[in-house]
Each structure stands twice: as C-alpha cells, then as structure tokens.
Amino acid sequence: MIVRLATMADAVRILDVVNSNLDDVFSLDAIEFFLAEWPNGQLIAEDLFGNIVGILCSFRINQSVCSISLFAVDKNHRNQGVGTQLFQSFHTRCYMEGISRIQLELRTSNVKALRFYQRNGFWVAERMENFYSNGGSAYRMAKDIRRRSFFSYDTGRTGS
C-alpha cells in the first residue's frame, strides 16, 4: 500500500470511497473544494493495483489549526493498518507545515472511531448536540502537535 497526496484526477474515485463507506452522502463539489482549498491536506491510500482503499480530506482553519473533515477506509480493507498509515502521514505533513493542532468531529455513536482517535492522541474537547442533519450528536476531538527545539531538554527542575 502507498499513501500519497490526492489530486483533482482522483476526485471521482475519492467520492466513490466516501459515499460507499460513510453515513452521509457527499457531492463531487465537496471533494473538489477540499482538493483546491488545501492540496497538502488531502491524502489517499492505494493498494498495489492502484485502487483507492482509504481517504483523508481536511482543511486549514488558520495557520496553526486544521480539521479532518472526511476520513474513510474501504470496508474490505479495515483493520489492516490503512487508517493508521493515512493518519500518520497526515500528522507528519501537519507537523512539517507548522500546524500545532488537529481537530475533527465524529458521531458520538461511532465508538470504534472514538477509540482510534484516542489511541492516536486525541481527546474529547466538546460534545455537540444535534450536530448532524439527522439530529445526531457529535464529539469535537483535538490533538496538539508538540514542537520541541532540537536543543531543548527537560531537566526535571521547576522554577529558576
């Protein structure tokens, strides 16, 4: 499997993965919006035959914060590390671009996704009632990306 940046040429195939594997239905315009808005925040995972098996679409809220908007792994490729590889690649790209926080929203009923994000350093920042069009509630989750100077170290001392 390979994880790479998505391009406009991938938009229709991304849409197929999204609409086949997420609860809501999205339009091609939504996918193209993400690709145009922040090209470095759109990733796909492909198998050895070039089939898209996972996608991650995001946008930059400001210089230091981004939000994962769509994250889907094909049902036939789940529990094989696809989501982990997509997220790790995304995390690295965010770090390299100076992002200090990643956030996202997910359904409170999506326990498997909640556990995935918690394992990857996210915490629940807020619960939002009636967030989804069907009245479903959501968690807003966040993860801070810590930047440390090469020369900084923890001496274990406090104060001056």
C-alpha atoms as a PDB file:
ATOM      1  CA  MET A   1       0.000   0.000   0.000  1.00  0.00           C
ATOM      2  CA  ILE A   2       1.096   3.540  -0.718  1.00  0.00           C
ATOM      3  CA  VAL A   3      -0.126   6.795   0.818  1.00  0.00           C
ATOM      4  CA  ARG A   4       0.134   9.841  -1.419  1.00  0.00           C
ATOM      5  CA  LEU A   5      -1.331  13.294  -1.952  1.00  0.00           C
ATOM      6  CA  ALA A   6      -4.635  13.250  -3.773  1.00  0.00           C
ATOM      7  CA  THR A   7      -5.099  15.226  -6.992  1.00  0.00           C
ATOM      8  CA  MET A   8      -8.128  16.519  -8.887  1.00  0.00           C
ATOM      9  CA  ALA A   9      -7.778  13.472 -11.149  1.00  0.00           C
ATOM     10  CA  ASP A  10      -8.611  11.311  -8.092  1.00  0.00           C
ATOM     11  CA  ALA A  11     -11.792  13.222  -7.161  1.00  0.00           C
ATOM     12  CA  VAL A  12     -14.372  10.813  -8.615  1.00  0.00           C
ATOM     13  CA  ARG A  13     -12.654   7.771  -7.105  1.00  0.00           C
ATOM     14  CA  ILE A  14     -12.394   9.557  -3.727  1.00  0.00           C
ATOM     15  CA  LEU A  15     -16.107  10.333  -3.892  1.00  0.00           C
ATOM     16  CA  ASP A  16     -16.858   6.645  -4.508  1.00  0.00           C
ATOM     17  CA  VAL A  17     -14.903   5.593  -1.394  1.00  0.00           C
ATOM     18  CA  VAL A  18     -16.517   8.322   0.711  1.00  0.00           C
ATOM     19  CA  ASN A  19     -20.096   7.591  -0.352  1.00  0.00           C
ATOM     20  CA  SER A  20     -19.620   3.821  -0.071  1.00  0.00           C
ATOM     21  CA  ASN A  21     -18.146   3.929   3.440  1.00  0.00           C
ATOM     22  CA  LEU A  22     -19.549   6.902   5.366  1.00  0.00           C
ATOM     23  CA  ASP A  23     -23.047   7.541   6.740  1.00  0.00           C
ATOM     24  CA  ASP A  24     -23.723  10.724   4.777  1.00  0.00           C
ATOM     25  CA  VAL A  25     -23.734  11.312   1.034  1.00  0.00           C
ATOM     26  CA  PHE A  26     -21.334  13.903  -0.339  1.00  0.00           C
ATOM     27  CA  SER A  27     -21.092  15.673  -3.689  1.00  0.00           C
ATOM     28  CA  LEU A  28     -18.187  15.861  -6.102  1.00  0.00           C
ATOM     29  CA  ASP A  29     -18.143  19.613  -5.413  1.00  0.00           C
ATOM     30  CA  ALA A  30     -17.266  18.911  -1.764  1.00  0.00           C
ATOM     31  CA  ILE A  31     -14.304  16.725  -2.720  1.00  0.00           C
ATOM     32  CA  GLU A  32     -13.087  19.267  -5.282  1.00  0.00           C
ATOM     33  CA  PHE A  33     -13.402  22.021  -2.657  1.00  0.00           C
ATOM     34  CA  PHE A  34     -11.001  20.192  -0.326  1.00  0.00           C
ATOM     35  CA  LEU A  35      -8.557  19.446  -3.141  1.00  0.00           C
ATOM     36  CA  ALA A  36      -8.492  23.097  -4.231  1.00  0.00           C
ATOM     37  CA  GLU A  37      -8.521  24.646  -0.745  1.00  0.00           C
ATOM     38  CA  TRP A  38      -5.535  22.822   0.777  1.00  0.00           C
ATOM     39  CA  PRO A  39      -3.883  20.354  -1.632  1.00  0.00           C
ATOM     40  CA  ASN A  40      -1.386  19.170   1.012  1.00  0.00           C
ATOM     41  CA  GLY A  41      -4.210  18.119   3.340  1.00  0.00           C
ATOM     42  CA  GLN A  42      -5.802  15.540   1.027  1.00  0.00           C
ATOM     43  CA  LEU A  43      -4.392  12.025   1.162  1.00  0.00           C
ATOM     44  CA  ILE A  44      -5.292   8.700  -0.376  1.00  0.00           C
ATOM     45  CA  ALA A  45      -4.118   5.161   0.294  1.00  0.00           C
ATOM     46  CA  GLU A  46      -3.842   2.892  -2.737  1.00  0.00           C
ATOM     47  CA  ASP A  47      -3.348  -0.844  -2.927  1.00  0.00           C
ATOM     48  CA  LEU A  48      -0.760  -2.426  -5.265  1.00  0.00           C
ATOM     49  CA  PHE A  49      -3.228  -2.252  -8.155  1.00  0.00           C
ATOM     50  CA  GLY A  50      -3.886   1.493  -7.764  1.00  0.00           C
ATOM     51  CA  ASN A  51      -7.310   1.084  -6.156  1.00  0.00           C
ATOM     52  CA  ILE A  52      -8.105   3.719  -3.553  1.00  0.00           C
ATOM     53  CA  VAL A  53      -8.660   1.916  -0.250  1.00  0.00           C
ATOM     54  CA  GLY A  54      -8.678   4.931   2.075  1.00  0.00           C
ATOM     55  CA  ILE A  55      -9.003   8.715   2.010  1.00  0.00           C
ATOM     56  CA  LEU A  56      -8.415  11.635   4.361  1.00  0.00           C
ATOM     57  CA  CYS A  57      -9.728  15.097   3.455  1.00  0.00           C
ATOM     58  CA  SER A  58      -9.041  18.121   5.618  1.00  0.00           C
ATOM     59  CA  PHE A  59      -8.890  21.894   5.606  1.00  0.00           C
ATOM     60  CA  ARG A  60      -6.875  24.555   7.340  1.00  0.00           C
ATOM     61  CA  ILE A  61      -8.847  26.665   9.759  1.00  0.00           C
ATOM     62  CA  ASN A  62      -5.923  29.061  10.201  1.00  0.00           C
ATOM     63  CA  GLN A  63      -2.111  28.946  10.163  1.00  0.00           C
ATOM     64  CA  SER A  64      -1.890  26.675  13.193  1.00  0.00           C
ATOM     65  CA  VAL A  65      -5.108  24.615  13.208  1.00  0.00           C
ATOM     66  CA  CYS A  66      -6.543  22.153  10.720  1.00  0.00           C
ATOM     67  CA  SER A  67      -9.604  19.940  10.745  1.00  0.00           C
ATOM     68  CA  ILE A  68     -10.102  16.436   9.368  1.00  0.00           C
ATOM     69  CA  SER A  69     -13.412  16.557   7.514  1.00  0.00           C
ATOM     70  CA  LEU A  70     -13.609  13.166   5.813  1.00  0.00           C
ATOM     71  CA  PHE A  71     -11.739  10.019   6.807  1.00  0.00           C
ATOM     72  CA  ALA A  72     -12.825   6.709   5.289  1.00  0.00           C
ATOM     73  CA  VAL A  73     -11.324   3.283   4.765  1.00  0.00           C
ATOM     74  CA  ASP A  74     -12.963   0.850   2.360  1.00  0.00           C
ATOM     75  CA  LYS A  75     -14.925  -1.821   4.259  1.00  0.00           C
ATOM     76  CA  ASN A  76     -12.839  -4.598   2.656  1.00  0.00           C
ATOM     77  CA  HIS A  77      -9.575  -3.038   3.892  1.00  0.00           C
ATOM     78  CA  ARG A  78     -10.397  -2.190   7.500  1.00  0.00           C
ATOM     79  CA  ASN A  79      -8.299  -3.494  10.400  1.00  0.00           C
ATOM     80  CA  GLN A  80      -5.260  -3.729   8.121  1.00  0.00           C
ATOM     81  CA  GLY A  81      -3.488  -0.513   9.166  1.00  0.00           C
ATOM     82  CA  VAL A  82      -4.791   1.644   6.302  1.00  0.00           C
ATOM     83  CA  GLY A  83      -6.327   4.279   8.605  1.00  0.00           C
ATOM     84  CA  THR A  84      -3.245   4.323  10.815  1.00  0.00           C
ATOM     85  CA  GLN A  85      -0.928   4.865   7.847  1.00  0.00           C
ATOM     86  CA  LEU A  86      -3.152   7.616   6.452  1.00  0.00           C
ATOM     87  CA  PHE A  87      -3.282   9.368   9.811  1.00  0.00           C
ATOM     88  CA  GLN A  88       0.461   9.058  10.451  1.00  0.00           C
ATOM     89  CA  SER A  89       1.220  10.529   7.014  1.00  0.00           C
ATOM     90  CA  PHE A  90      -1.231  13.354   7.658  1.00  0.00           C
ATOM     91  CA  HIS A  91       0.230  14.017  11.124  1.00  0.00           C
ATOM     92  CA  THR A  92       3.736  14.265   9.643  1.00  0.00           C
ATOM     93  CA  ARG A  93       2.575  16.666   6.917  1.00  0.00           C
ATOM     94  CA  CYS A  94       0.849  18.848   9.518  1.00  0.00           C
ATOM     95  CA  TYR A  95       3.969  18.917  11.665  1.00  0.00           C
ATOM     96  CA  MET A  96       6.120  19.897   8.669  1.00  0.00           C
ATOM     97  CA  GLU A  97       3.712  22.732   7.791  1.00  0.00           C
ATOM     98  CA  GLY A  98       3.771  24.172  11.304  1.00  0.00           C
ATOM     99  CA  ILE A  99       0.281  23.050  12.328  1.00  0.00           C
ATOM    100  CA  SER A 100       0.000  22.903  16.114  1.00  0.00           C
ATOM    101  CA  ARG A 101      -3.499  21.405  16.459  1.00  0.00           C
ATOM    102  CA  ILE A 102      -5.592  18.895  14.526  1.00  0.00           C
ATOM    103  CA  GLN A 103      -9.293  18.701  15.249  1.00  0.00           C
ATOM    104  CA  LEU A 104     -12.286  16.767  13.927  1.00  0.00           C
ATOM    105  CA  GLU A 105     -15.891  15.922  14.651  1.00  0.00           C
ATOM    106  CA  LEU A 106     -17.375  12.435  14.847  1.00  0.00           C
ATOM    107  CA  ARG A 107     -20.679  10.873  15.784  1.00  0.00           C
ATOM    108  CA  THR A 108     -20.946  10.033  19.477  1.00  0.00           C
ATOM    109  CA  SER A 109     -22.246   6.616  18.394  1.00  0.00           C
ATOM    110  CA  ASN A 110     -19.048   5.835  16.443  1.00  0.00           C
ATOM    111  CA  VAL A 111     -17.220   4.092  19.286  1.00  0.00           C
ATOM    112  CA  LYS A 112     -14.655   2.407  17.017  1.00  0.00           C
ATOM    113  CA  ALA A 113     -13.560   5.754  15.543  1.00  0.00           C
ATOM    114  CA  LEU A 114     -13.521   7.335  19.006  1.00  0.00           C
ATOM    115  CA  ARG A 115     -11.098   4.641  20.215  1.00  0.00           C
ATOM    116  CA  PHE A 116      -8.928   5.029  17.086  1.00  0.00           C
ATOM    117  CA  TYR A 117      -8.554   8.759  17.666  1.00  0.00           C
ATOM    118  CA  GLN A 118      -7.900   8.339  21.379  1.00  0.00           C
ATOM    119  CA  ARG A 119      -5.133   5.805  20.597  1.00  0.00           C
ATOM    120  CA  ASN A 120      -3.652   8.449  18.299  1.00  0.00           C
ATOM    121  CA  GLY A 121      -3.523  11.163  20.955  1.00  0.00           C
ATOM    122  CA  PHE A 122      -6.876  12.938  20.522  1.00  0.00           C
ATOM    123  CA  TRP A 123      -9.100  13.950  23.408  1.00  0.00           C
ATOM    124  CA  VAL A 124     -12.770  14.928  23.501  1.00  0.00           C
ATOM    125  CA  ALA A 125     -12.850  18.706  23.620  1.00  0.00           C
ATOM    126  CA  GLU A 126     -16.604  19.184  23.356  1.00  0.00           C
ATOM    127  CA  ARG A 127     -19.897  17.335  22.920  1.00  0.00           C
ATOM    128  CA  MET A 128     -22.282  18.960  20.460  1.00  0.00           C
ATOM    129  CA  GLU A 129     -25.961  18.027  20.495  1.00  0.00           C
ATOM    130  CA  ASN A 130     -27.949  17.947  17.212  1.00  0.00           C
ATOM    131  CA  PHE A 131     -24.750  18.467  15.201  1.00  0.00           C
ATOM    132  CA  TYR A 132     -25.732  16.277  12.247  1.00  0.00           C
ATOM    133  CA  SER A 133     -28.646  16.825   9.858  1.00  0.00           C
ATOM    134  CA  ASN A 134     -30.440  13.784  11.303  1.00  0.00           C
ATOM    135  CA  GLY A 135     -30.201  15.251  14.822  1.00  0.00           C
ATOM    136  CA  GLY A 136     -27.243  13.087  15.854  1.00  0.00           C
ATOM    137  CA  SER A 137     -24.746  14.327  18.415  1.00  0.00           C
ATOM    138  CA  ALA A 138     -21.018  14.736  17.830  1.00  0.00           C
ATOM    139  CA  TYR A 139     -17.777  14.926  19.713  1.00  0.00           C
ATOM    140  CA  ARG A 140     -15.253  17.542  18.725  1.00  0.00           C
ATOM    141  CA  MET A 141     -11.857  15.979  19.285  1.00  0.00           C
ATOM    142  CA  ALA A 142      -8.470  17.665  19.255  1.00  0.00           C
ATOM    143  CA  LYS A 143      -4.806  16.750  19.262  1.00  0.00           C
ATOM    144  CA  ASP A 144      -1.967  19.136  19.934  1.00  0.00           C
ATOM    145  CA  ILE A 145       1.200  18.622  17.961  1.00  0.00           C
ATOM    146  CA  ARG A 146       4.047  19.489  20.271  1.00  0.00           C
ATOM    147  CA  ARG A 147       7.068  21.203  18.790  1.00  0.00           C
ATOM    148  CA  ARG A 148      10.357  20.881  20.641  1.00  0.00           C
ATOM    149  CA  SER A 149      13.561  22.558  19.801  1.00  0.00           C
ATOM    150  CA  PHE A 150      16.423  20.226  18.958  1.00  0.00           C
ATOM    151  CA  PHE A 151      18.390  21.847  21.771  1.00  0.00           C
ATOM    152  CA  SER A 152      15.687  21.845  24.448  1.00  0.00           C
ATOM    153  CA  TYR A 153      15.557  19.172  27.100  1.00  0.00           C
ATOM    154  CA  ASP A 154      13.727  18.576  30.353  1.00  0.00           C
ATOM    155  CA  THR A 155      15.974  18.851  33.399  1.00  0.00           C
ATOM    156  CA  GLY A 156      13.163  17.867  35.717  1.00  0.00           C
ATOM    157  CA  ARG A 157      13.597  21.124  37.627  1.00  0.00           C
ATOM    158  CA  THR A 158      10.928  23.703  38.182  1.00  0.00           C
ATOM    159  CA  GLY A 159      11.388  27.364  38.760  1.00  0.00           C
ATOM    160  CA  SER A 160      14.620  29.294  38.110  1.00  0.00           C
END
